[in-house]
Amino acid sequence: MEIDFDQLKKEIHEYLTVYCVDDGQEKSTIDRKRELYTKLLTHLNGNPLNLDNIKSFQHHLYKNGWNEEGSKNTMATRLRAFVNYCYEERDLFVKNWAKKIPKPKVHRKVIEVVKEEVAMQIILAGTMPESFENYRCRLSKRETRLACEFMLHTGCRVEEVFEMKGTDLRLEADEPYVIIHSKGGDTEMQPVPDIMLPILRERVKYNRLFFFTAKGANTALKRGSEKLGITTIKTTCHRLRDIFALTRLRNGVPLQLVSRALRHDSVKTTDRYYSNYVLSDIAPVINNSDLVRQKMTPQELLEELVKLVKKAGLDKHKEFSLQTTTSSNGVHIDAVFKSLDEEQMR
């Protein structure tokens, strides 16, 4: 189960120039694969490709700076991809040994984000024009502001927003949407936020929907955070996507719908990255104890009741009224639906 060195060079060339291109992989991804496989050929130095030599190559890279979990995982994924190609597309192996290539587990990192309303304040502060700036600078900041707002309201990736054109908008549809050219090469539809419809209608003939750059947007977000004194939590364009997802999950939107809005290939991806941060689902489990409740003050119990009302969405119903009063005799609660008569309320 090995490939001799001369044939390996030909297979790598074919894989990169034909298979990866036909598969729709981005040029940057192919370039990084080429860099890795070139290092592999140098390490093999005429020896054949087999499992032992790949493991030796991995250890060699670990000693030369490839020590981060993400880098090691990505390297193993790309080596496995090539071996899979040799087995499935080229029939070069009797058995597929790709999964025997060691792949370290990447530990999940904690996502720290600000609240959605704070993110909007950061966007506004970071794109606020200065008195000494000329028209061009002011226009650039305005475009960056609109692009960041669009990312915050839609969860789109910065690369996707950068590539959008006015001709991608479909604002006359029953549900106005924009066509997105995703990073995997797919073409997808994403509803546009109602709050931005007026400005989007003005841009249907624009060559680019927003005239901005990812670097400029991230710089603006950093500047806005500094102006607001937010130094412990970093807000970037991709964090706006995280804020979009977490805000909706915490507001009770089903995981499946949030996954669709993020355009993840699988709901498992959404679950893996975000479910751990929706603590409202498991908070009742932690507090479901008679011992805990006995030690709660009337005010704390009242706050728990209000949380339940908000979680059920009753506070947004125009016919629902919740009034609480606190006195020396305790807490009095009035909760009524205005449209119900007395008989129904009983």
Protein backbone atom coordinates (compact mmCIF):
# COMPACT_ATOMS: atom_id res chain seq x y z
CA MET A 1 0.00 0.00 0.00
CA GLU A 2 2.42 2.63 -1.25
CA ILE A 3 3.17 4.83 -4.28
CA ASP A 4 6.70 5.16 -5.65
CA PHE A 5 8.18 8.64 -5.65
CA ASP A 6 8.09 9.37 -9.39
CA GLN A 7 4.45 8.35 -9.72
CA LEU A 8 3.61 10.31 -6.59
CA LYS A 9 4.81 13.55 -8.21
CA LYS A 10 2.55 12.93 -11.20
CA GLU A 11 -0.44 12.09 -9.00
CA ILE A 12 -0.02 15.24 -6.91
CA HIS A 13 0.15 17.36 -10.06
CA GLU A 14 -3.00 15.72 -11.46
CA TYR A 15 -4.81 16.08 -8.13
CA LEU A 16 -4.05 19.80 -7.80
CA THR A 17 -4.48 20.91 -11.41
CA VAL A 18 -7.47 18.80 -12.41
CA TYR A 19 -9.36 17.18 -9.54
CA CYS A 20 -9.29 20.11 -7.06
CA VAL A 21 -10.14 22.60 -9.81
CA ASP A 22 -13.04 20.50 -11.11
CA ASP A 23 -14.22 20.09 -7.51
CA GLY A 24 -14.66 23.88 -7.28
CA GLN A 25 -12.06 24.42 -4.57
CA GLU A 26 -10.82 27.97 -4.12
CA LYS A 27 -7.43 28.96 -5.49
CA SER A 28 -6.16 29.85 -2.01
CA THR A 29 -7.07 26.35 -0.75
CA ILE A 30 -5.32 24.69 -3.69
CA ASP A 31 -2.23 26.86 -3.13
CA ARG A 32 -2.03 25.81 0.52
CA LYS A 33 -2.38 22.16 -0.49
CA ARG A 34 0.39 22.60 -3.05
CA GLU A 35 2.64 24.06 -0.36
CA LEU A 36 1.97 21.08 1.93
CA TYR A 37 2.51 18.43 -0.76
CA THR A 38 5.73 20.15 -1.89
CA LYS A 39 7.02 19.87 1.67
CA LEU A 40 5.96 16.21 1.64
CA LEU A 41 7.97 15.50 -1.51
CA THR A 42 11.00 17.23 -0.02
CA HIS A 43 10.69 15.18 3.14
CA LEU A 44 10.29 11.88 1.27
CA ASN A 45 13.42 12.63 -0.78
CA GLY A 46 12.81 9.81 -3.25
CA ASN A 47 11.13 7.41 -0.82
CA PRO A 48 7.62 6.05 -1.54
CA LEU A 49 4.39 7.35 -0.06
CA ASN A 50 3.07 5.06 2.66
CA LEU A 51 1.52 5.40 6.12
CA ASP A 52 4.83 5.24 8.02
CA ASN A 53 6.41 7.93 5.86
CA ILE A 54 3.38 10.19 6.24
CA LYS A 55 3.55 9.81 10.03
CA SER A 56 7.25 10.65 9.86
CA PHE A 57 6.39 13.74 7.79
CA GLN A 58 3.81 14.86 10.37
CA HIS A 59 6.30 14.54 13.22
CA HIS A 60 8.82 16.51 11.16
CA LEU A 61 6.37 19.38 10.76
CA TYR A 62 5.36 19.27 14.42
CA LYS A 63 8.98 19.99 15.31
CA ASN A 64 9.11 22.91 12.89
CA GLY A 65 6.26 25.11 14.00
CA TRP A 66 3.11 23.16 13.08
CA ASN A 67 2.16 22.72 16.73
CA GLU A 68 -1.22 24.42 16.93
CA GLU A 69 -4.20 22.07 17.08
CA GLY A 70 -5.90 23.73 14.14
CA SER A 71 -2.81 23.58 11.93
CA LYS A 72 -2.14 19.93 12.77
CA ASN A 73 -5.77 19.04 12.14
CA THR A 74 -5.86 20.86 8.79
CA MET A 75 -2.63 19.19 7.69
CA ALA A 76 -3.98 15.73 8.53
CA THR A 77 -7.24 16.51 6.71
CA ARG A 78 -5.38 17.45 3.53
CA LEU A 79 -3.14 14.39 3.67
CA ARG A 80 -6.20 12.20 4.14
CA ALA A 81 -7.92 13.93 1.22
CA PHE A 82 -5.05 13.06 -1.10
CA VAL A 83 -4.92 9.43 0.02
CA ASN A 84 -8.70 9.22 -0.45
CA TYR A 85 -8.26 10.56 -3.96
CA CYS A 86 -5.58 7.95 -4.73
CA TYR A 87 -7.88 5.18 -3.51
CA GLU A 88 -11.28 6.29 -4.82
CA GLU A 89 -10.37 8.09 -8.04
CA ARG A 90 -7.14 6.39 -9.09
CA ASP A 91 -7.46 2.83 -7.66
CA LEU A 92 -3.86 2.93 -6.45
CA PHE A 93 -4.51 1.10 -3.17
CA VAL A 94 -6.25 -2.17 -2.36
CA LYS A 95 -7.49 -0.68 0.94
CA ASN A 96 -8.14 2.90 1.95
CA TRP A 97 -5.80 3.75 4.82
CA ALA A 98 -6.54 7.48 4.90
CA LYS A 99 -8.25 7.32 8.31
CA LYS A 100 -5.12 5.77 9.81
CA ILE A 101 -3.30 9.07 9.30
CA PRO A 102 -3.25 10.64 12.80
CA LYS A 103 -5.64 13.56 13.17
CA PRO A 104 -5.56 15.42 16.50
CA LYS A 105 -8.77 16.50 18.17
CA VAL A 106 -9.31 20.23 18.02
CA HIS A 107 -10.65 21.49 21.33
CA ARG A 108 -13.51 23.92 21.10
CA LYS A 109 -12.58 27.50 21.92
CA VAL A 110 -14.83 29.78 23.93
CA ILE A 111 -16.60 32.32 21.74
CA GLU A 112 -16.73 35.69 23.46
CA VAL A 113 -19.13 38.16 21.89
CA VAL A 114 -20.87 41.36 22.88
CA LYS A 115 -24.64 41.75 22.76
CA GLU A 116 -26.28 42.61 19.44
CA GLU A 117 -27.12 46.16 20.52
CA VAL A 118 -23.53 46.70 21.69
CA ALA A 119 -22.25 45.38 18.36
CA MET A 120 -24.37 48.02 16.61
CA GLN A 121 -22.89 50.71 18.86
CA ILE A 122 -19.40 49.47 17.94
CA ILE A 123 -20.24 49.67 14.22
CA LEU A 124 -21.57 53.21 14.59
CA ALA A 125 -18.64 54.39 16.71
CA GLY A 126 -16.06 52.82 14.42
CA THR A 127 -17.49 54.40 11.27
CA MET A 128 -18.29 57.83 12.69
CA PRO A 129 -16.64 60.41 10.40
CA GLU A 130 -14.21 62.91 11.91
CA SER A 131 -14.51 66.65 11.28
CA PHE A 132 -11.19 66.78 9.43
CA GLU A 133 -11.96 63.91 7.03
CA ASN A 134 -12.71 64.59 3.37
CA TYR A 135 -15.65 63.36 1.32
CA ARG A 136 -13.84 60.20 0.20
CA CYS A 137 -13.07 59.12 3.77
CA ARG A 138 -16.61 59.82 4.87
CA LEU A 139 -18.02 57.81 1.96
CA SER A 140 -15.69 54.90 2.75
CA LYS A 141 -16.84 54.85 6.36
CA ARG A 142 -20.49 54.98 5.30
CA GLU A 143 -20.04 51.98 2.99
CA THR A 144 -18.18 50.07 5.70
CA ARG A 145 -20.98 50.85 8.17
CA LEU A 146 -23.64 49.52 5.81
CA ALA A 147 -21.64 46.36 5.09
CA CYS A 148 -21.13 45.66 8.80
CA GLU A 149 -24.81 46.27 9.52
CA PHE A 150 -25.73 43.85 6.75
CA MET A 151 -23.42 41.19 8.24
CA LEU A 152 -24.88 41.72 11.71
CA HIS A 153 -28.48 41.48 10.45
CA THR A 154 -27.99 38.50 8.11
CA GLY A 155 -25.10 36.44 9.49
CA CYS A 156 -23.38 36.52 6.09
CA ARG A 157 -19.62 36.02 5.87
CA VAL A 158 -17.50 39.05 5.04
CA GLU A 159 -16.24 37.43 1.82
CA GLU A 160 -19.82 36.83 0.70
CA VAL A 161 -20.86 40.42 1.35
CA PHE A 162 -17.75 41.70 -0.44
CA GLU A 163 -18.69 39.72 -3.57
CA MET A 164 -22.35 40.84 -3.65
CA LYS A 165 -23.58 42.90 -6.58
CA GLY A 166 -26.72 44.95 -7.01
CA THR A 167 -27.87 42.46 -9.63
CA ASP A 168 -27.85 39.76 -6.91
CA LEU A 169 -30.79 41.45 -5.17
CA ARG A 170 -34.30 40.12 -5.65
CA LEU A 171 -36.32 42.73 -3.79
CA GLU A 172 -39.60 42.21 -5.66
CA ALA A 173 -39.98 38.63 -4.43
CA ASP A 174 -42.59 37.77 -1.79
CA GLU A 175 -39.71 37.52 0.64
CA PRO A 176 -36.94 39.85 -0.62
CA TYR A 177 -33.60 38.06 -0.84
CA VAL A 178 -30.07 38.29 -2.17
CA ILE A 179 -28.18 35.63 -4.10
CA ILE A 180 -25.03 34.56 -2.28
CA HIS A 181 -21.98 32.96 -3.85
CA SER A 182 -20.81 30.83 -0.91
CA LYS A 183 -17.24 29.88 -0.09
CA GLY A 184 -17.90 26.30 -1.26
CA GLY A 185 -18.87 27.53 -4.71
CA ASP A 186 -22.62 27.09 -4.20
CA THR A 187 -25.22 29.71 -5.10
CA GLU A 188 -27.73 30.27 -2.30
CA MET A 189 -30.53 32.63 -1.33
CA GLN A 190 -30.56 34.72 1.84
CA PRO A 191 -33.48 36.93 2.99
CA VAL A 192 -32.50 40.57 3.41
CA PRO A 193 -33.40 42.51 6.57
CA ASP A 194 -36.50 44.70 6.29
CA ILE A 195 -34.68 47.53 8.05
CA MET A 196 -32.23 47.81 5.13
CA LEU A 197 -34.71 47.53 2.24
CA PRO A 198 -34.80 51.29 1.48
CA ILE A 199 -31.02 51.55 1.06
CA LEU A 200 -30.84 48.27 -0.87
CA ARG A 201 -33.48 49.45 -3.37
CA GLU A 202 -31.14 52.28 -4.29
CA ARG A 203 -28.36 49.82 -5.13
CA VAL A 204 -29.96 47.30 -7.49
CA LYS A 205 -27.82 48.59 -10.38
CA TYR A 206 -24.55 48.90 -8.45
CA ASN A 207 -21.54 46.88 -9.63
CA ARG A 208 -20.89 46.14 -5.96
CA LEU A 209 -23.53 46.16 -3.27
CA PHE A 210 -21.14 47.71 -0.72
CA PHE A 211 -17.82 49.39 -1.50
CA PHE A 212 -15.64 48.22 1.37
CA THR A 213 -12.82 45.81 2.25
CA ALA A 214 -12.61 43.15 4.96
CA LYS A 215 -9.48 44.78 6.37
CA GLY A 216 -11.19 48.18 6.54
CA ALA A 217 -14.27 46.66 8.21
CA ASN A 218 -12.21 44.88 10.87
CA THR A 219 -10.22 48.06 11.49
CA ALA A 220 -13.48 49.99 11.96
CA LEU A 221 -14.79 47.42 14.43
CA LYS A 222 -11.54 47.57 16.38
CA ARG A 223 -11.68 51.37 16.42
CA GLY A 224 -15.30 51.32 17.57
CA SER A 225 -14.50 48.91 20.41
CA GLU A 226 -11.65 51.13 21.59
CA LYS A 227 -13.87 54.22 21.53
CA LEU A 228 -16.43 52.43 23.71
CA GLY A 229 -13.76 51.09 26.06
CA ILE A 230 -14.42 47.45 25.15
CA THR A 231 -10.99 45.85 25.42
CA THR A 232 -11.57 42.32 26.71
CA ILE A 233 -13.86 41.10 23.89
CA LYS A 234 -12.66 41.33 20.30
CA THR A 235 -15.30 42.11 17.67
CA THR A 236 -14.48 41.21 14.05
CA CYS A 237 -16.51 40.67 10.89
CA HIS A 238 -16.77 36.95 11.66
CA ARG A 239 -17.82 37.71 15.23
CA LEU A 240 -20.79 39.61 13.76
CA ARG A 241 -21.87 36.26 12.29
CA ASP A 242 -21.49 34.65 15.71
CA ILE A 243 -23.52 37.44 17.32
CA PHE A 244 -26.26 36.92 14.71
CA ALA A 245 -26.46 33.20 15.52
CA LEU A 246 -26.29 33.45 19.30
CA THR A 247 -28.81 36.30 19.48
CA ARG A 248 -31.42 34.29 17.62
CA LEU A 249 -30.77 31.08 19.54
CA ARG A 250 -31.08 32.93 22.83
CA ASN A 251 -34.34 34.47 21.59
CA GLY A 252 -35.76 30.98 21.17
CA VAL A 253 -35.34 30.50 17.40
CA PRO A 254 -35.05 26.72 16.68
CA LEU A 255 -31.54 25.45 15.99
CA GLN A 256 -32.60 24.09 12.58
CA LEU A 257 -33.76 27.52 11.39
CA VAL A 258 -30.62 29.26 12.62
CA SER A 259 -28.58 26.60 10.81
CA ARG A 260 -30.47 27.34 7.59
CA ALA A 261 -29.93 31.08 8.03
CA LEU A 262 -26.19 30.48 8.48
CA ARG A 263 -26.30 28.14 5.45
CA HIS A 264 -24.40 25.39 7.25
CA ASP A 265 -24.21 22.08 5.40
CA SER A 266 -25.42 20.29 8.51
CA VAL A 267 -27.30 21.32 11.64
CA LYS A 268 -24.57 19.42 13.50
CA THR A 269 -22.17 22.22 12.59
CA THR A 270 -24.45 24.83 14.13
CA ASP A 271 -24.99 22.67 17.19
CA ARG A 272 -21.25 22.11 17.66
CA TYR A 273 -20.34 25.80 17.52
CA TYR A 274 -23.26 27.51 19.23
CA SER A 275 -25.54 25.30 21.35
CA ASN A 276 -23.06 25.33 24.21
CA TYR A 277 -23.68 29.06 24.66
CA VAL A 278 -27.47 28.93 24.95
CA LEU A 279 -27.56 28.61 28.73
CA SER A 280 -31.23 29.48 29.09
CA ASP A 281 -32.14 25.93 28.08
CA ILE A 282 -30.17 24.31 30.89
CA ALA A 283 -30.48 27.03 33.56
CA PRO A 284 -33.83 25.57 34.76
CA VAL A 285 -32.07 22.21 35.20
CA ILE A 286 -29.46 23.80 37.46
CA ASN A 287 -32.09 25.59 39.53
CA ASN A 288 -34.63 22.75 39.65
CA SER A 289 -34.11 22.07 43.33
CA ASP A 290 -36.31 22.64 46.36
CA LEU A 291 -33.18 23.60 48.30
CA VAL A 292 -32.33 26.31 45.76
CA ARG A 293 -35.89 27.67 45.67
CA GLN A 294 -36.18 27.81 49.47
CA LYS A 295 -33.19 30.13 49.61
CA MET A 296 -34.50 32.46 46.89
CA THR A 297 -35.88 35.84 47.98
CA PRO A 298 -39.33 37.00 46.80
CA GLN A 299 -37.60 39.43 44.45
CA GLU A 300 -35.51 36.61 42.91
CA LEU A 301 -38.63 34.48 42.48
CA LEU A 302 -40.33 37.41 40.79
CA GLU A 303 -37.40 37.81 38.40
CA GLU A 304 -37.63 34.11 37.51
CA LEU A 305 -41.33 34.55 36.72
CA VAL A 306 -40.60 37.50 34.45
CA LYS A 307 -37.93 35.45 32.65
CA LEU A 308 -40.47 32.70 31.97
CA VAL A 309 -42.96 35.23 30.61
CA LYS A 310 -40.35 36.71 28.27
CA LYS A 311 -39.14 33.29 27.16
CA ALA A 312 -42.70 32.39 26.20
CA GLY A 313 -42.93 35.64 24.24
CA LEU A 314 -45.97 36.80 26.18
CA ASP A 315 -44.40 40.19 26.91
CA LYS A 316 -44.60 40.98 23.18
CA HIS A 317 -48.33 40.20 22.93
CA LYS A 318 -50.31 43.45 22.83
CA GLU A 319 -53.26 41.89 24.67
CA PHE A 320 -51.14 40.60 27.56
CA SER A 321 -50.50 42.66 30.66
CA LEU A 322 -48.19 41.72 33.54
CA GLN A 323 -48.03 44.00 36.56
CA THR A 324 -46.14 43.35 39.79
CA THR A 325 -46.13 45.33 43.01
CA THR A 326 -43.97 44.79 46.07
CA SER A 327 -45.07 45.80 49.56
CA SER A 328 -44.46 44.81 53.15
CA ASN A 329 -47.06 42.08 52.68
CA GLY A 330 -45.09 40.51 49.84
CA VAL A 331 -45.33 40.54 46.06
CA HIS A 332 -48.66 40.91 44.23
CA ILE A 333 -48.89 39.80 40.59
CA ASP A 334 -51.60 40.69 38.07
CA ALA A 335 -51.36 38.85 34.75
CA VAL A 336 -54.29 39.17 32.35
CA PHE A 337 -55.19 38.98 28.66
CA LYS A 338 -57.20 42.13 27.91
CA SER A 339 -59.35 40.44 25.26
CA LEU A 340 -60.62 37.75 27.64
CA ASP A 341 -63.80 38.29 29.62
CA GLU A 342 -64.04 37.49 33.32
CA GLU A 343 -65.56 34.04 32.73
CA GLN A 344 -62.67 33.04 30.50
CA MET A 345 -60.09 34.39 32.95
CA ARG A 346 -61.47 32.15 35.66
